[in-house]
Amino acid sequence: QVQLVESGGGLVQAGGSLRLSCAPSGRTFSAYAMGWFRQAPGKEREFVAAVRWSGGNTYYTDSVKDRFTISRDNAKNTVSLQMNNLKPEDTAVYYCAAALTGGSSWWKGNGYDYWGQGTQVTVSS
C-alpha cells in the first residue's frame, strides 16, 4: 500500500512563509510527476503546483506564481512546496499527490493516482 505523508503545515501571519514536505511510505513506487493541491472550506479542491520527476519541469496555478516553489529531492524521494508571501486566501488543507504516468494533463492537476491525508495551512490577516 502506498501512502503519501505531508508535513509542515501550521498557522502563519500574512506575508509569512511555510514549507510543506511530502514523503512516501509503505510500498515504493516511481512517480512520473508529483503535485500539490489545496481545498479551502466550502470550495472544491484546486491544483496548486506540479513537478515532473524526471527533468524537474514545474507548473503553477496563476494565483501562486512567483510566491510558491515546488521542488523534488530525488535522493530522498520527497517533494516540497515553499510558500512565501502567504495571503489569507491561501488558507486551506494542502494535499500531496503522485501521478504514476504522464498520460493525462498532470500539469493541470489531472491524472493523479495517490493522495496524502492533507496538512492544514492557516494564514491570518
PDB file of N, CA and C in Angstrom:
ATOM      1  N   GLN A   1       0.847  -1.184   0.000  1.00  0.00           N
ATOM      2  CA  GLN A   1       0.000   0.000   0.000  1.00  0.00           C
ATOM      3  C   GLN A   1       0.885   1.237   0.000  1.00  0.00           C
ATOM      4  N   VAL A   2       0.550   2.171  -0.844  1.00  0.00           N
ATOM      5  CA  VAL A   2       1.320   3.401  -0.937  1.00  0.00           C
ATOM      6  C   VAL A   2       0.635   4.483  -0.128  1.00  0.00           C
ATOM      7  N   GLN A   3       1.423   5.194   0.652  1.00  0.00           N
ATOM      8  CA  GLN A   3       0.906   6.333   1.397  1.00  0.00           C
ATOM      9  C   GLN A   3       1.800   7.531   1.142  1.00  0.00           C
ATOM     10  N   LEU A   4       1.193   8.678   1.082  1.00  0.00           N
ATOM     11  CA  LEU A   4       1.930   9.934   0.997  1.00  0.00           C
ATOM     12  C   LEU A   4       1.666  10.694   2.284  1.00  0.00           C
ATOM     13  N   VAL A   5       2.726  11.170   2.905  1.00  0.00           N
ATOM     14  CA  VAL A   5       2.609  11.835   4.193  1.00  0.00           C
ATOM     15  C   VAL A   5       3.099  13.265   4.065  1.00  0.00           C
ATOM     16  N   GLU A   6       2.192  14.213   4.314  1.00  0.00           N
ATOM     17  CA  GLU A   6       2.544  15.628   4.274  1.00  0.00           C
ATOM     18  C   GLU A   6       2.936  16.117   5.668  1.00  0.00           C
ATOM     19  N   SER A   7       3.781  17.134   5.682  1.00  0.00           N
ATOM     20  CA  SER A   7       4.162  17.781   6.942  1.00  0.00           C
ATOM     21  C   SER A   7       4.494  19.237   6.655  1.00  0.00           C
ATOM     22  N   GLY A   8       4.525  20.030   7.721  1.00  0.00           N
ATOM     23  CA  GLY A   8       4.960  21.419   7.589  1.00  0.00           C
ATOM     24  C   GLY A   8       3.861  22.454   7.634  1.00  0.00           C
ATOM     25  N   GLY A   9       2.607  22.029   7.727  1.00  0.00           N
ATOM     26  CA  GLY A   9       1.529  22.997   7.809  1.00  0.00           C
ATOM     27  C   GLY A   9       1.535  23.721   9.147  1.00  0.00           C
ATOM     28  N   GLY A  10       0.690  24.744   9.252  1.00  0.00           N
ATOM     29  CA  GLY A  10       0.606  25.482  10.500  1.00  0.00           C
ATOM     30  C   GLY A  10      -0.084  26.804  10.326  1.00  0.00           C
ATOM     31  N   LEU A  11       0.072  27.645  11.346  1.00  0.00           N
ATOM     32  CA  LEU A  11      -0.532  28.970  11.368  1.00  0.00           C
ATOM     33  C   LEU A  11       0.557  30.006  11.152  1.00  0.00           C
ATOM     34  N   VAL A  12       0.310  30.926  10.236  1.00  0.00           N
ATOM     35  CA  VAL A  12       1.298  31.958   9.931  1.00  0.00           C
ATOM     36  C   VAL A  12       0.558  33.253   9.623  1.00  0.00           C
ATOM     37  N   GLN A  13       1.209  34.364   9.884  1.00  0.00           N
ATOM     38  CA  GLN A  13       0.615  35.650   9.558  1.00  0.00           C
ATOM     39  C   GLN A  13       0.786  35.952   8.072  1.00  0.00           C
ATOM     40  N   ALA A  14      -0.082  36.795   7.563  1.00  0.00           N
ATOM     41  CA  ALA A  14       0.023  37.213   6.165  1.00  0.00           C
ATOM     42  C   ALA A  14       1.409  37.797   5.914  1.00  0.00           C
ATOM     43  N   GLY A  15       1.980  37.421   4.774  1.00  0.00           N
ATOM     44  CA  GLY A  15       3.329  37.842   4.435  1.00  0.00           C
ATOM     45  C   GLY A  15       4.399  36.870   4.876  1.00  0.00           C
ATOM     46  N   GLY A  16       4.031  35.912   5.681  1.00  0.00           N
ATOM     47  CA  GLY A  16       4.986  34.933   6.187  1.00  0.00           C
ATOM     48  C   GLY A  16       5.209  33.785   5.211  1.00  0.00           C
ATOM     49  N   SER A  17       5.983  32.802   5.669  1.00  0.00           N
ATOM     50  CA  SER A  17       6.362  31.667   4.826  1.00  0.00           C
ATOM     51  C   SER A  17       6.148  30.348   5.554  1.00  0.00           C
ATOM     52  N   LEU A  18       5.903  29.328   4.785  1.00  0.00           N
ATOM     53  CA  LEU A  18       5.843  27.956   5.285  1.00  0.00           C
ATOM     54  C   LEU A  18       6.439  27.045   4.213  1.00  0.00           C
ATOM     55  N   ARG A  19       6.950  25.916   4.666  1.00  0.00           N
ATOM     56  CA  ARG A  19       7.471  24.926   3.727  1.00  0.00           C
ATOM     57  C   ARG A  19       6.796  23.592   4.005  1.00  0.00           C
ATOM     58  N   LEU A  20       6.101  23.083   3.017  1.00  0.00           N
ATOM     59  CA  LEU A  20       5.447  21.782   3.116  1.00  0.00           C
ATOM     60  C   LEU A  20       6.337  20.712   2.499  1.00  0.00           C
ATOM     61  N   SER A  21       6.296  19.541   3.095  1.00  0.00           N
ATOM     62  CA  SER A  21       7.046  18.410   2.557  1.00  0.00           C
ATOM     63  C   SER A  21       6.127  17.216   2.409  1.00  0.00           C
ATOM     64  N   CYS A  22       6.480  16.347   1.496  1.00  0.00           N
ATOM     65  CA  CYS A  22       5.686  15.143   1.237  1.00  0.00           C
ATOM     66  C   CYS A  22       6.633  13.987   0.997  1.00  0.00           C
ATOM     67  N   ALA A  23       6.416  12.913   1.722  1.00  0.00           N
ATOM     68  CA  ALA A  23       7.262  11.736   1.574  1.00  0.00           C
ATOM     69  C   ALA A  23       6.392  10.498   1.464  1.00  0.00           C
ATOM     70  N   PRO A  24       6.766   9.587   0.623  1.00  0.00           N
ATOM     71  CA  PRO A  24       6.003   8.350   0.509  1.00  0.00           C
ATOM     72  C   PRO A  24       6.370   7.368   1.621  1.00  0.00           C
ATOM     73  N   SER A  25       5.432   6.553   2.010  1.00  0.00           N
ATOM     74  CA  SER A  25       5.704   5.465   2.941  1.00  0.00           C
ATOM     75  C   SER A  25       4.988   4.226   2.439  1.00  0.00           C
ATOM     76  N   GLY A  26       5.392   3.094   2.966  1.00  0.00           N
ATOM     77  CA  GLY A  26       4.801   1.857   2.506  1.00  0.00           C
ATOM     78  C   GLY A  26       5.491   1.371   1.239  1.00  0.00           C
ATOM     79  N   ARG A  27       4.729   0.828   0.335  1.00  0.00           N
ATOM     80  CA  ARG A  27       5.289   0.261  -0.895  1.00  0.00           C
ATOM     81  C   ARG A  27       5.939   1.357  -1.738  1.00  0.00           C
ATOM     82  N   THR A  28       7.101   1.096  -2.247  1.00  0.00           N
ATOM     83  CA  THR A  28       7.793   2.069  -3.072  1.00  0.00           C
ATOM     84  C   THR A  28       7.143   2.127  -4.450  1.00  0.00           C
ATOM     85  N   PHE A  29       7.311   3.254  -5.103  1.00  0.00           N
ATOM     86  CA  PHE A  29       6.782   3.426  -6.445  1.00  0.00           C
ATOM     87  C   PHE A  29       7.595   4.486  -7.154  1.00  0.00           C
ATOM     88  N   SER A  30       7.450   4.517  -8.451  1.00  0.00           N
ATOM     89  CA  SER A  30       8.112   5.548  -9.257  1.00  0.00           C
ATOM     90  C   SER A  30       7.044   6.473  -9.812  1.00  0.00           C
ATOM     91  N   ALA A  31       7.141   7.722  -9.416  1.00  0.00           N
ATOM     92  CA  ALA A  31       6.164   8.698  -9.869  1.00  0.00           C
ATOM     93  C   ALA A  31       6.629   9.369 -11.146  1.00  0.00           C
ATOM     94  N   TYR A  32       5.704   9.624 -12.041  1.00  0.00           N
ATOM     95  CA  TYR A  32       6.009  10.425 -13.226  1.00  0.00           C
ATOM     96  C   TYR A  32       6.019  11.904 -12.852  1.00  0.00           C
ATOM     97  N   ALA A  33       5.096  12.271 -11.988  1.00  0.00           N
ATOM     98  CA  ALA A  33       5.009  13.653 -11.526  1.00  0.00           C
ATOM     99  C   ALA A  33       4.416  13.677 -10.125  1.00  0.00           C
ATOM    100  N   MET A  34       4.724  14.743  -9.410  1.00  0.00           N
ATOM    101  CA  MET A  34       4.161  14.963  -8.080  1.00  0.00           C
ATOM    102  C   MET A  34       3.490  16.330  -8.074  1.00  0.00           C
ATOM    103  N   GLY A  35       2.422  16.435  -7.319  1.00  0.00           N
ATOM    104  CA  GLY A  35       1.707  17.702  -7.294  1.00  0.00           C
ATOM    105  C   GLY A  35       1.222  18.065  -5.913  1.00  0.00           C
ATOM    106  N   TRP A  36       0.886  19.326  -5.770  1.00  0.00           N
ATOM    107  CA  TRP A  36       0.240  19.849  -4.566  1.00  0.00           C
ATOM    108  C   TRP A  36      -1.117  20.429  -4.952  1.00  0.00           C
ATOM    109  N   PHE A  37      -2.082  20.139  -4.120  1.00  0.00           N
ATOM    110  CA  PHE A  37      -3.431  20.633  -4.295  1.00  0.00           C
ATOM    111  C   PHE A  37      -3.877  21.249  -2.978  1.00  0.00           C
ATOM    112  N   ARG A  38      -4.957  22.005  -3.006  1.00  0.00           N
ATOM    113  CA  ARG A  38      -5.494  22.557  -1.773  1.00  0.00           C
ATOM    114  C   ARG A  38      -7.009  22.642  -1.857  1.00  0.00           C
ATOM    115  N   GLN A  39      -7.606  22.608  -0.667  1.00  0.00           N
ATOM    116  CA  GLN A  39      -9.056  22.730  -0.585  1.00  0.00           C
ATOM    117  C   GLN A  39      -9.401  23.631   0.581  1.00  0.00           C
ATOM    118  N   ALA A  40     -10.016  24.742   0.260  1.00  0.00           N
ATOM    119  CA  ALA A  40     -10.466  25.687   1.284  1.00  0.00           C
ATOM    120  C   ALA A  40     -11.877  25.320   1.713  1.00  0.00           C
ATOM    121  N   PRO A  41     -12.288  25.734   2.909  1.00  0.00           N
ATOM    122  CA  PRO A  41     -13.642  25.419   3.385  1.00  0.00           C
ATOM    123  C   PRO A  41     -14.705  25.880   2.405  1.00  0.00           C
ATOM    124  N   GLY A  42     -15.603  24.973   2.056  1.00  0.00           N
ATOM    125  CA  GLY A  42     -16.701  25.323   1.174  1.00  0.00           C
ATOM    126  C   GLY A  42     -16.336  25.422  -0.288  1.00  0.00           C
ATOM    127  N   LYS A  43     -15.099  25.083  -0.634  1.00  0.00           N
ATOM    128  CA  LYS A  43     -14.660  25.175  -2.029  1.00  0.00           C
ATOM    129  C   LYS A  43     -14.176  23.823  -2.525  1.00  0.00           C
ATOM    130  N   GLU A  44     -14.104  23.701  -3.823  1.00  0.00           N
ATOM    131  CA  GLU A  44     -13.588  22.479  -4.415  1.00  0.00           C
ATOM    132  C   GLU A  44     -12.063  22.448  -4.321  1.00  0.00           C
ATOM    133  N   ARG A  45     -11.542  21.257  -4.369  1.00  0.00           N
ATOM    134  CA  ARG A  45     -10.097  21.103  -4.385  1.00  0.00           C
ATOM    135  C   ARG A  45      -9.528  21.704  -5.663  1.00  0.00           C
ATOM    136  N   GLU A  46      -8.409  22.405  -5.534  1.00  0.00           N
ATOM    137  CA  GLU A  46      -7.806  23.030  -6.704  1.00  0.00           C
ATOM    138  C   GLU A  46      -6.337  22.659  -6.824  1.00  0.00           C
ATOM    139  N   PHE A  47      -5.876  22.648  -8.042  1.00  0.00           N
ATOM    140  CA  PHE A  47      -4.480  22.386  -8.340  1.00  0.00           C
ATOM    141  C   PHE A  47      -3.633  23.591  -7.942  1.00  0.00           C
ATOM    142  N   VAL A  48      -2.472  23.326  -7.334  1.00  0.00           N
ATOM    143  CA  VAL A  48      -1.570  24.403  -6.923  1.00  0.00           C
ATOM    144  C   VAL A  48      -0.285  24.385  -7.738  1.00  0.00           C
ATOM    145  N   ALA A  49       0.393  23.242  -7.745  1.00  0.00           N
ATOM    146  CA  ALA A  49       1.683  23.163  -8.428  1.00  0.00           C
ATOM    147  C   ALA A  49       2.021  21.710  -8.713  1.00  0.00           C
ATOM    148  N   ALA A  50       2.884  21.493  -9.696  1.00  0.00           N
ATOM    149  CA  ALA A  50       3.318  20.141 -10.031  1.00  0.00           C
ATOM    150  C   ALA A  50       4.744  20.171 -10.541  1.00  0.00           C
ATOM    151  N   VAL A  51       5.417  19.043 -10.372  1.00  0.00           N
ATOM    152  CA  VAL A  51       6.781  18.897 -10.865  1.00  0.00           C
ATOM    153  C   VAL A  51       6.933  17.531 -11.515  1.00  0.00           C
ATOM    154  N   ARG A  52       7.540  17.518 -12.688  1.00  0.00           N
ATOM    155  CA  ARG A  52       7.842  16.252 -13.337  1.00  0.00           C
ATOM    156  C   ARG A  52       9.071  15.656 -12.687  1.00  0.00           C
ATOM    157  N   TRP A  53       8.983  14.381 -12.290  1.00  0.00           N
ATOM    158  CA  TRP A  53      10.071  13.807 -11.522  1.00  0.00           C
ATOM    159  C   TRP A  53      11.375  13.777 -12.316  1.00  0.00           C
ATOM    160  N   SER A  54      11.278  13.396 -13.598  1.00  0.00           N
ATOM    161  CA  SER A  54      12.462  13.385 -14.443  1.00  0.00           C
ATOM    162  C   SER A  54      12.525  14.688 -15.219  1.00  0.00           C
ATOM    163  N   GLY A  55      13.511  15.471 -14.960  1.00  0.00           N
ATOM    164  CA  GLY A  55      13.653  16.741 -15.655  1.00  0.00           C
ATOM    165  C   GLY A  55      13.332  17.941 -14.803  1.00  0.00           C
ATOM    166  N   GLY A  56      12.429  17.762 -13.848  1.00  0.00           N
ATOM    167  CA  GLY A  56      12.129  18.845 -12.926  1.00  0.00           C
ATOM    168  C   GLY A  56      11.257  19.956 -13.461  1.00  0.00           C
ATOM    169  N   ASN A  57      10.565  19.752 -14.597  1.00  0.00           N
ATOM    170  CA  ASN A  57       9.670  20.787 -15.110  1.00  0.00           C
ATOM    171  C   ASN A  57       8.604  21.107 -14.066  1.00  0.00           C
ATOM    172  N   THR A  58       8.340  22.390 -13.874  1.00  0.00           N
ATOM    173  CA  THR A  58       7.375  22.792 -12.861  1.00  0.00           C
ATOM    174  C   THR A  58       6.235  23.600 -13.473  1.00  0.00           C
ATOM    175  N   TYR A  59       5.074  23.500 -12.838  1.00  0.00           N
ATOM    176  CA  TYR A  59       3.886  24.206 -13.296  1.00  0.00           C
ATOM    177  C   TYR A  59       3.139  24.723 -12.069  1.00  0.00           C
ATOM    178  N   TYR A  60       2.508  25.892 -12.215  1.00  0.00           N
ATOM    179  CA  TYR A  60       1.813  26.522 -11.103  1.00  0.00           C
ATOM    180  C   TYR A  60       0.476  27.094 -11.554  1.00  0.00           C
ATOM    181  N   THR A  61      -0.461  27.120 -10.627  1.00  0.00           N
ATOM    182  CA  THR A  61      -1.663  27.870 -10.897  1.00  0.00           C
ATOM    183  C   THR A  61      -1.315  29.360 -10.792  1.00  0.00           C
ATOM    184  N   ASP A  62      -2.042  30.190 -11.511  1.00  0.00           N
ATOM    185  CA  ASP A  62      -1.666  31.609 -11.611  1.00  0.00           C
ATOM    186  C   ASP A  62      -1.595  32.300 -10.260  1.00  0.00           C
ATOM    187  N   SER A  63      -2.470  31.941  -9.336  1.00  0.00           N
ATOM    188  CA  SER A  63      -2.563  32.670  -8.074  1.00  0.00           C
ATOM    189  C   SER A  63      -1.346  32.487  -7.170  1.00  0.00           C
ATOM    190  N   VAL A  64      -0.516  31.492  -7.447  1.00  0.00           N
ATOM    191  CA  VAL A  64       0.649  31.251  -6.582  1.00  0.00           C
ATOM    192  C   VAL A  64       1.971  31.480  -7.298  1.00  0.00           C
ATOM    193  N   LYS A  65       1.914  31.776  -8.579  1.00  0.00           N
ATOM    194  CA  LYS A  65       3.161  32.027  -9.315  1.00  0.00           C
ATOM    195  C   LYS A  65       3.933  33.158  -8.667  1.00  0.00           C
ATOM    196  N   ASP A  66       5.229  33.019  -8.613  1.00  0.00           N
ATOM    197  CA  ASP A  66       6.157  33.994  -8.032  1.00  0.00           C
ATOM    198  C   ASP A  66       6.102  34.027  -6.509  1.00  0.00           C
ATOM    199  N   ARG A  67       5.251  33.208  -5.894  1.00  0.00           N
ATOM    200  CA  ARG A  67       5.203  33.118  -4.434  1.00  0.00           C
ATOM    201  C   ARG A  67       5.532  31.712  -3.938  1.00  0.00           C
ATOM    202  N   PHE A  68       5.104  30.692  -4.679  1.00  0.00           N
ATOM    203  CA  PHE A  68       5.320  29.299  -4.282  1.00  0.00           C
ATOM    204  C   PHE A  68       6.359  28.665  -5.194  1.00  0.00           C
ATOM    205  N   THR A  69       7.113  27.736  -4.634  1.00  0.00           N
ATOM    206  CA  THR A  69       8.092  26.983  -5.409  1.00  0.00           C
ATOM    207  C   THR A  69       7.990  25.514  -5.059  1.00  0.00           C
ATOM    208  N   ILE A  70       7.760  24.690  -6.067  1.00  0.00           N
ATOM    209  CA  ILE A  70       7.732  23.241  -5.866  1.00  0.00           C
ATOM    210  C   ILE A  70       9.091  22.672  -6.261  1.00  0.00           C
ATOM    211  N   SER A  71       9.553  21.698  -5.496  1.00  0.00           N
ATOM    212  CA  SER A  71      10.835  21.080  -5.807  1.00  0.00           C
ATOM    213  C   SER A  71      10.811  19.620  -5.396  1.00  0.00           C
ATOM    214  N   ARG A  72      11.696  18.843  -6.003  1.00  0.00           N
ATOM    215  CA  ARG A  72      11.775  17.434  -5.605  1.00  0.00           C
ATOM    216  C   ARG A  72      13.211  17.085  -5.283  1.00  0.00           C
ATOM    217  N   ASP A  73      13.342  16.123  -4.380  1.00  0.00           N
ATOM    218  CA  ASP A  73      14.647  15.621  -3.968  1.00  0.00           C
ATOM    219  C   ASP A  73      14.702  14.167  -4.390  1.00  0.00           C
ATOM    220  N   ASN A  74      15.443  13.919  -5.457  1.00  0.00           N
ATOM    221  CA  ASN A  74      15.494  12.553  -5.996  1.00  0.00           C
ATOM    222  C   ASN A  74      16.091  11.572  -4.988  1.00  0.00           C
ATOM    223  N   ALA A  75      17.080  12.017  -4.264  1.00  0.00           N
ATOM    224  CA  ALA A  75      17.759  11.112  -3.331  1.00  0.00           C
ATOM    225  C   ALA A  75      16.840  10.709  -2.181  1.00  0.00           C
ATOM    226  N   LYS A  76      16.055  11.663  -1.691  1.00  0.00           N
ATOM    227  CA  LYS A  76      15.168  11.374  -0.566  1.00  0.00           C
ATOM    228  C   LYS A  76      13.771  10.973  -1.023  1.00  0.00           C
ATOM    229  N   ASN A  77      13.530  11.091  -2.329  1.00  0.00           N
ATOM    230  CA  ASN A  77      12.220  10.736  -2.876  1.00  0.00           C
ATOM    231  C   ASN A  77      11.106  11.566  -2.234  1.00  0.00           C
ATOM    232  N   THR A  78      11.390  12.840  -2.033  1.00  0.00           N
ATOM    233  CA  THR A  78      10.410  13.734  -1.419  1.00  0.00           C
ATOM    234  C   THR A  78      10.122  14.909  -2.343  1.00  0.00           C
ATOM    235  N   VAL A  79       9.004  15.562  -2.097  1.00  0.00           N
ATOM    236  CA  VAL A  79       8.650  16.767  -2.824  1.00  0.00           C
ATOM    237  C   VAL A  79       8.259  17.834  -1.811  1.00  0.00           C
ATOM    238  N   SER A  80       8.632  19.060  -2.083  1.00  0.00           N
ATOM    239  CA  SER A  80       8.374  20.149  -1.153  1.00  0.00           C
ATOM    240  C   SER A  80       7.661  21.293  -1.853  1.00  0.00           C
ATOM    241  N   LEU A  81       7.007  22.107  -1.045  1.00  0.00           N
ATOM    242  CA  LEU A  81       6.356  23.313  -1.552  1.00  0.00           C
ATOM    243  C   LEU A  81       6.744  24.460  -0.632  1.00  0.00           C
ATOM    244  N   GLN A  82       7.595  25.336  -1.137  1.00  0.00           N
ATOM    245  CA  GLN A  82       7.984  26.521  -0.397  1.00  0.00           C
ATOM    246  C   GLN A  82       6.978  27.621  -0.698  1.00  0.00           C
ATOM    247  N   MET A  83       6.335  28.119   0.352  1.00  0.00           N
ATOM    248  CA  MET A  83       5.288  29.122   0.177  1.00  0.00           C
ATOM    249  C   MET A  83       5.723  30.417   0.844  1.00  0.00           C
ATOM    250  N   ASN A  84       5.894  31.445   0.054  1.00  0.00           N
ATOM    251  CA  ASN A  84       6.307  32.754   0.550  1.00  0.00           C
ATOM    252  C   ASN A  84       5.197  33.774   0.349  1.00  0.00           C
ATOM    253  N   ASN A  85       5.297  34.873   1.080  1.00  0.00           N
ATOM    254  CA  ASN A  85       4.318  35.955   0.962  1.00  0.00           C
ATOM    255  C   ASN A  85       2.895  35.400   1.017  1.00  0.00           C
ATOM    256  N   LEU A  86       2.640  34.606   2.026  1.00  0.00           N
ATOM    257  CA  LEU A  86       1.330  33.964   2.148  1.00  0.00           C
ATOM    258  C   LEU A  86       0.231  34.969   2.388  1.00  0.00           C
ATOM    259  N   LYS A  87      -0.939  34.669   1.848  1.00  0.00           N
ATOM    260  CA  LYS A  87      -2.104  35.533   1.954  1.00  0.00           C
ATOM    261  C   LYS A  87      -3.228  34.763   2.649  1.00  0.00           C
ATOM    262  N   PRO A  88      -4.160  35.478   3.261  1.00  0.00           N
ATOM    263  CA  PRO A  88      -5.284  34.783   3.913  1.00  0.00           C
ATOM    264  C   PRO A  88      -6.027  33.840   2.957  1.00  0.00           C
ATOM    265  N   GLU A  89      -6.091  34.189   1.691  1.00  0.00           N
ATOM    266  CA  GLU A  89      -6.787  33.328   0.723  1.00  0.00           C
ATOM    267  C   GLU A  89      -6.021  32.042   0.415  1.00  0.00           C
ATOM    268  N   ASP A  90      -4.811  31.909   0.920  1.00  0.00           N
ATOM    269  CA  ASP A  90      -4.068  30.659   0.781  1.00  0.00           C
ATOM    270  C   ASP A  90      -4.468  29.643   1.850  1.00  0.00           C
ATOM    271  N   THR A  91      -5.291  30.062   2.803  1.00  0.00           N
ATOM    272  CA  THR A  91      -5.740  29.160   3.857  1.00  0.00           C
ATOM    273  C   THR A  91      -6.513  27.991   3.266  1.00  0.00           C
ATOM    274  N   ALA A  92      -6.066  26.774   3.570  1.00  0.00           N
ATOM    275  CA  ALA A  92      -6.675  25.566   3.018  1.00  0.00           C
ATOM    276  C   ALA A  92      -5.990  24.343   3.607  1.00  0.00           C
ATOM    277  N   VAL A  93      -6.566  23.199   3.334  1.00  0.00           N
ATOM    278  CA  VAL A  93      -5.866  21.938   3.570  1.00  0.00           C
ATOM    279  C   VAL A  93      -5.090  21.635   2.293  1.00  0.00           C
ATOM    280  N   TYR A  94      -3.801  21.392   2.448  1.00  0.00           N
ATOM    281  CA  TYR A  94      -2.929  21.129   1.309  1.00  0.00           C
ATOM    282  C   TYR A  94      -2.651  19.635   1.205  1.00  0.00           C
ATOM    283  N   TYR A  95      -2.786  19.114  -0.009  1.00  0.00           N
ATOM    284  CA  TYR A  95      -2.605  17.696  -0.277  1.00  0.00           C
ATOM    285  C   TYR A  95      -1.467  17.475  -1.258  1.00  0.00           C
ATOM    286  N   CYS A  96      -0.711  16.446  -0.997  1.00  0.00           N
ATOM    287  CA  CYS A  96       0.311  15.980  -1.908  1.00  0.00           C
ATOM    288  C   CYS A  96      -0.272  14.832  -2.725  1.00  0.00           C
ATOM    289  N   ALA A  97       0.138  14.723  -3.984  1.00  0.00           N
ATOM    290  CA  ALA A  97      -0.369  13.657  -4.835  1.00  0.00           C
ATOM    291  C   ALA A  97       0.704  13.211  -5.809  1.00  0.00           C
ATOM    292  N   ALA A  98       0.559  11.964  -6.272  1.00  0.00           N
ATOM    293  CA  ALA A  98       1.517  11.391  -7.209  1.00  0.00           C
ATOM    294  C   ALA A  98       0.810  10.855  -8.438  1.00  0.00           C
ATOM    295  N   ALA A  99       1.358  11.177  -9.590  1.00  0.00           N
ATOM    296  CA  ALA A  99       0.862  10.645 -10.858  1.00  0.00           C
ATOM    297  C   ALA A  99       1.857   9.583 -11.340  1.00  0.00           C
ATOM    298  N   LEU A 100       1.369   8.385 -11.596  1.00  0.00           N
ATOM    299  CA  LEU A 100       2.266   7.303 -11.994  1.00  0.00           C
ATOM    300  C   LEU A 100       2.632   7.362 -13.463  1.00  0.00           C
ATOM    301  N   THR A 101       1.788   7.970 -14.260  1.00  0.00           N
ATOM    302  CA  THR A 101       2.062   8.072 -15.687  1.00  0.00           C
ATOM    303  C   THR A 101       1.850   9.505 -16.154  1.00  0.00           C
ATOM    304  N   GLY A 102       2.339   9.795 -17.332  1.00  0.00           N
ATOM    305  CA  GLY A 102       2.190  11.126 -17.883  1.00  0.00           C
ATOM    306  C   GLY A 102       1.110  11.208 -18.935  1.00  0.00           C
ATOM    307  N   GLY A 103       0.188  10.245 -18.938  1.00  0.00           N
ATOM    308  CA  GLY A 103      -0.826  10.205 -19.975  1.00  0.00           C
ATOM    309  C   GLY A 103      -1.849  11.327 -19.905  1.00  0.00           C
ATOM    310  N   SER A 104      -2.173  11.781 -18.704  1.00  0.00           N
ATOM    311  CA  SER A 104      -3.151  12.860 -18.543  1.00  0.00           C
ATOM    312  C   SER A 104      -2.438  14.195 -18.422  1.00  0.00           C
ATOM    313  N   SER A 105      -3.198  15.243 -18.412  1.00  0.00           N
ATOM    314  CA  SER A 105      -2.615  16.581 -18.293  1.00  0.00           C
ATOM    315  C   SER A 105      -2.273  16.836 -16.827  1.00  0.00           C
ATOM    316  N   TRP A 106      -1.234  16.159 -16.355  1.00  0.00           N
ATOM    317  CA  TRP A 106      -0.848  16.238 -14.956  1.00  0.00           C
ATOM    318  C   TRP A 106      -0.434  17.653 -14.572  1.00  0.00           C
ATOM    319  N   TRP A 107       0.022  18.411 -15.553  1.00  0.00           N
ATOM    320  CA  TRP A 107       0.466  19.778 -15.277  1.00  0.00           C
ATOM    321  C   TRP A 107      -0.690  20.721 -15.009  1.00  0.00           C
ATOM    322  N   LYS A 108      -1.901  20.201 -15.210  1.00  0.00           N
ATOM    323  CA  LYS A 108      -3.100  20.973 -14.908  1.00  0.00           C
ATOM    324  C   LYS A 108      -3.851  20.363 -13.729  1.00  0.00           C
ATOM    325  N   GLY A 109      -3.260  19.310 -13.129  1.00  0.00           N
ATOM    326  CA  GLY A 109      -3.900  18.715 -11.977  1.00  0.00           C
ATOM    327  C   GLY A 109      -4.709  17.466 -12.259  1.00  0.00           C
ATOM    328  N   ASN A 110      -4.549  16.861 -13.433  1.00  0.00           N
ATOM    329  CA  ASN A 110      -5.309  15.661 -13.769  1.00  0.00           C
ATOM    330  C   ASN A 110      -4.428  14.411 -13.709  1.00  0.00           C
ATOM    331  N   GLY A 111      -5.045  13.271 -13.517  1.00  0.00           N
ATOM    332  CA  GLY A 111      -4.335  12.004 -13.619  1.00  0.00           C
ATOM    333  C   GLY A 111      -3.501  11.600 -12.426  1.00  0.00           C
ATOM    334  N   TYR A 112      -3.865  12.029 -11.225  1.00  0.00           N
ATOM    335  CA  TYR A 112      -3.105  11.676 -10.030  1.00  0.00           C
ATOM    336  C   TYR A 112      -3.683  10.419  -9.390  1.00  0.00           C
ATOM    337  N   ASP A 113      -2.791   9.532  -8.987  1.00  0.00           N
ATOM    338  CA  ASP A 113      -3.195   8.206  -8.523  1.00  0.00           C
ATOM    339  C   ASP A 113      -3.174   8.051  -7.002  1.00  0.00           C
ATOM    340  N   TYR A 114      -2.206   8.638  -6.359  1.00  0.00           N
ATOM    341  CA  TYR A 114      -2.076   8.510  -4.908  1.00  0.00           C
ATOM    342  C   TYR A 114      -2.175   9.887  -4.257  1.00  0.00           C
ATOM    343  N   TRP A 115      -2.789   9.897  -3.078  1.00  0.00           N
ATOM    344  CA  TRP A 115      -3.022  11.143  -2.368  1.00  0.00           C
ATOM    345  C   TRP A 115      -2.622  11.009  -0.905  1.00  0.00           C
ATOM    346  N   GLY A 116      -2.173  12.135  -0.342  1.00  0.00           N
ATOM    347  CA  GLY A 116      -1.914  12.175   1.081  1.00  0.00           C
ATOM    348  C   GLY A 116      -3.168  12.558   1.849  1.00  0.00           C
ATOM    349  N   GLN A 117      -3.037  12.612   3.173  1.00  0.00           N
ATOM    350  CA  GLN A 117      -4.170  12.925   4.033  1.00  0.00           C
ATOM    351  C   GLN A 117      -4.383  14.422   4.184  1.00  0.00           C
ATOM    352  N   GLY A 118      -3.381  15.199   3.836  1.00  0.00           N
ATOM    353  CA  GLY A 118      -3.516  16.649   3.903  1.00  0.00           C
ATOM    354  C   GLY A 118      -2.905  17.252   5.147  1.00  0.00           C
ATOM    355  N   THR A 119      -2.507  18.511   5.012  1.00  0.00           N
ATOM    356  CA  THR A 119      -1.983  19.271   6.138  1.00  0.00           C
ATOM    357  C   THR A 119      -2.589  20.671   6.097  1.00  0.00           C
ATOM    358  N   GLN A 120      -2.995  21.164   7.250  1.00  0.00           N
ATOM    359  CA  GLN A 120      -3.702  22.443   7.325  1.00  0.00           C
ATOM    360  C   GLN A 120      -2.716  23.610   7.271  1.00  0.00           C
ATOM    361  N   VAL A 121      -3.033  24.576   6.428  1.00  0.00           N
ATOM    362  CA  VAL A 121      -2.296  25.838   6.374  1.00  0.00           C
ATOM    363  C   VAL A 121      -3.299  26.956   6.645  1.00  0.00           C
ATOM    364  N   THR A 122      -3.017  27.743   7.664  1.00  0.00           N
ATOM    365  CA  THR A 122      -3.894  28.848   8.026  1.00  0.00           C
ATOM    366  C   THR A 122      -3.091  30.137   8.019  1.00  0.00           C
ATOM    367  N   VAL A 123      -3.560  31.114   7.265  1.00  0.00           N
ATOM    368  CA  VAL A 123      -2.881  32.398   7.157  1.00  0.00           C
ATOM    369  C   VAL A 123      -3.788  33.470   7.758  1.00  0.00           C
ATOM    370  N   SER A 124      -3.313  34.099   8.802  1.00  0.00           N
ATOM    371  CA  SER A 124      -4.112  35.120   9.475  1.00  0.00           C
ATOM    372  C   SER A 124      -3.791  36.502   8.897  1.00  0.00           C
ATOM    373  N   SER A 125      -4.785  37.348   8.901  1.00  0.00           N
ATOM    374  CA  SER A 125      -4.594  38.707   8.348  1.00  0.00           C
ATOM    375  C   SER A 125      -4.107  39.681   9.406  1.00  0.00           C
TER     376      SER A 125
END
